[in-house]
Protein backbone atom coordinates (compact mmCIF):
# COMPACT_ATOMS: atom_id res chain seq x y z
CA MET A 1 107.64 206.23 104.60
CA LYS A 2 106.52 209.26 102.83
CA ILE A 3 106.45 209.44 98.77
CA LYS A 4 106.15 213.07 97.16
CA TYR A 5 105.99 214.30 93.71
CA ASP A 6 106.73 217.98 93.02
CA LYS A 7 104.96 218.61 89.38
CA THR A 8 106.42 222.24 89.58
CA THR A 9 110.12 220.91 89.53
CA ASP A 10 109.62 217.27 88.29
CA THR A 11 110.92 216.15 91.43
CA LEU A 12 110.25 212.47 93.44
CA TYR A 13 111.54 212.24 96.56
CA VAL A 14 111.08 209.16 98.79
CA GLU A 15 111.58 209.70 102.66
CA PHE A 16 111.95 206.85 104.66
CA LEU A 17 113.20 208.77 108.20
CA ASP A 18 112.43 212.28 109.02
CA THR A 19 115.81 213.71 110.20
CA THR A 20 118.81 215.79 109.64
CA VAL A 21 120.64 214.41 106.56
CA THR A 22 123.71 214.57 104.46
CA THR A 23 123.22 214.35 100.93
CA LYS A 24 125.34 212.00 98.47
CA ARG A 25 124.82 212.52 94.51
CA LEU A 26 124.92 209.38 92.84
CA SER A 27 124.05 210.80 89.18
CA ASP A 28 122.94 214.25 88.14
CA ASP A 29 119.48 212.85 88.67
CA ILE A 30 119.67 210.91 91.51
CA ALA A 31 120.54 211.83 95.07
CA VAL A 32 120.86 209.87 98.18
CA ASP A 33 120.27 210.96 102.09
CA TYR A 34 121.71 209.17 104.99
CA ASP A 35 121.07 209.90 108.51
CA ALA A 36 124.05 210.63 111.25
CA ALA A 37 124.15 206.97 111.42
CA GLY A 38 124.51 206.21 107.95
CA LYS A 39 120.89 204.90 107.50
CA LEU A 40 119.29 205.36 104.28
CA ALA A 41 116.75 208.30 104.96
CA GLY A 42 115.73 209.47 101.49
CA ILE A 43 115.81 209.36 97.73
CA GLU A 44 115.62 212.09 95.11
CA VAL A 45 114.92 212.05 91.45
CA LEU A 46 115.14 214.60 89.31
CA GLY A 47 113.14 214.60 85.83
CA ALA A 48 110.83 211.90 87.21
CA LYS A 49 107.95 212.25 85.21
CA HIS A 50 108.25 209.17 83.73
CA LEU A 51 108.28 207.28 86.86
CA VAL A 52 104.79 209.18 87.68
CA SER A 53 101.47 208.18 86.34
CA GLU A 54 98.54 210.68 85.72
CA GLU A 55 96.78 209.59 88.63
CA TRP A 56 99.61 210.42 91.26
CA PRO A 57 99.03 211.10 94.09
CA ASN A 58 96.32 208.58 94.21
CA ARG A 59 97.63 205.59 92.94
CA HIS A 60 98.58 202.93 95.46
CA VAL A 61 102.38 202.41 96.07
CA GLU A 62 104.01 198.90 97.32
CA TYR A 63 107.49 198.41 99.02
CA GLN A 64 109.23 195.60 100.41
CA GLU A 65 111.61 195.76 103.57
CA ASP A 66 113.96 193.35 101.78
CA ALA A 67 114.56 195.49 98.64
CA LEU A 68 115.07 198.65 101.28
CA ALA A 69 117.66 196.68 103.00
CA LYS A 70 119.57 196.47 99.44
CA VAL A 71 119.40 199.76 98.89
CA GLN A 72 120.51 200.77 102.10
CA ARG A 73 124.18 199.26 101.18
CA LEU A 74 124.57 201.59 98.42
């Protein structure tokens, strides 16, 4: 998993799979990427400044597998 934040565009991207994707917009600010098999490959959040602290990228990020499984069912 890779987490990227672009200060210039204020975009946060969480990449689960490095692959070719199909993008589905969930709202004006959130898009999800799926691989050819329909598995969640990434999540993009526009206007993400409120989610990212000043210490980024030096902050510790944790995730749980069961939380990812819930997101995959979107």
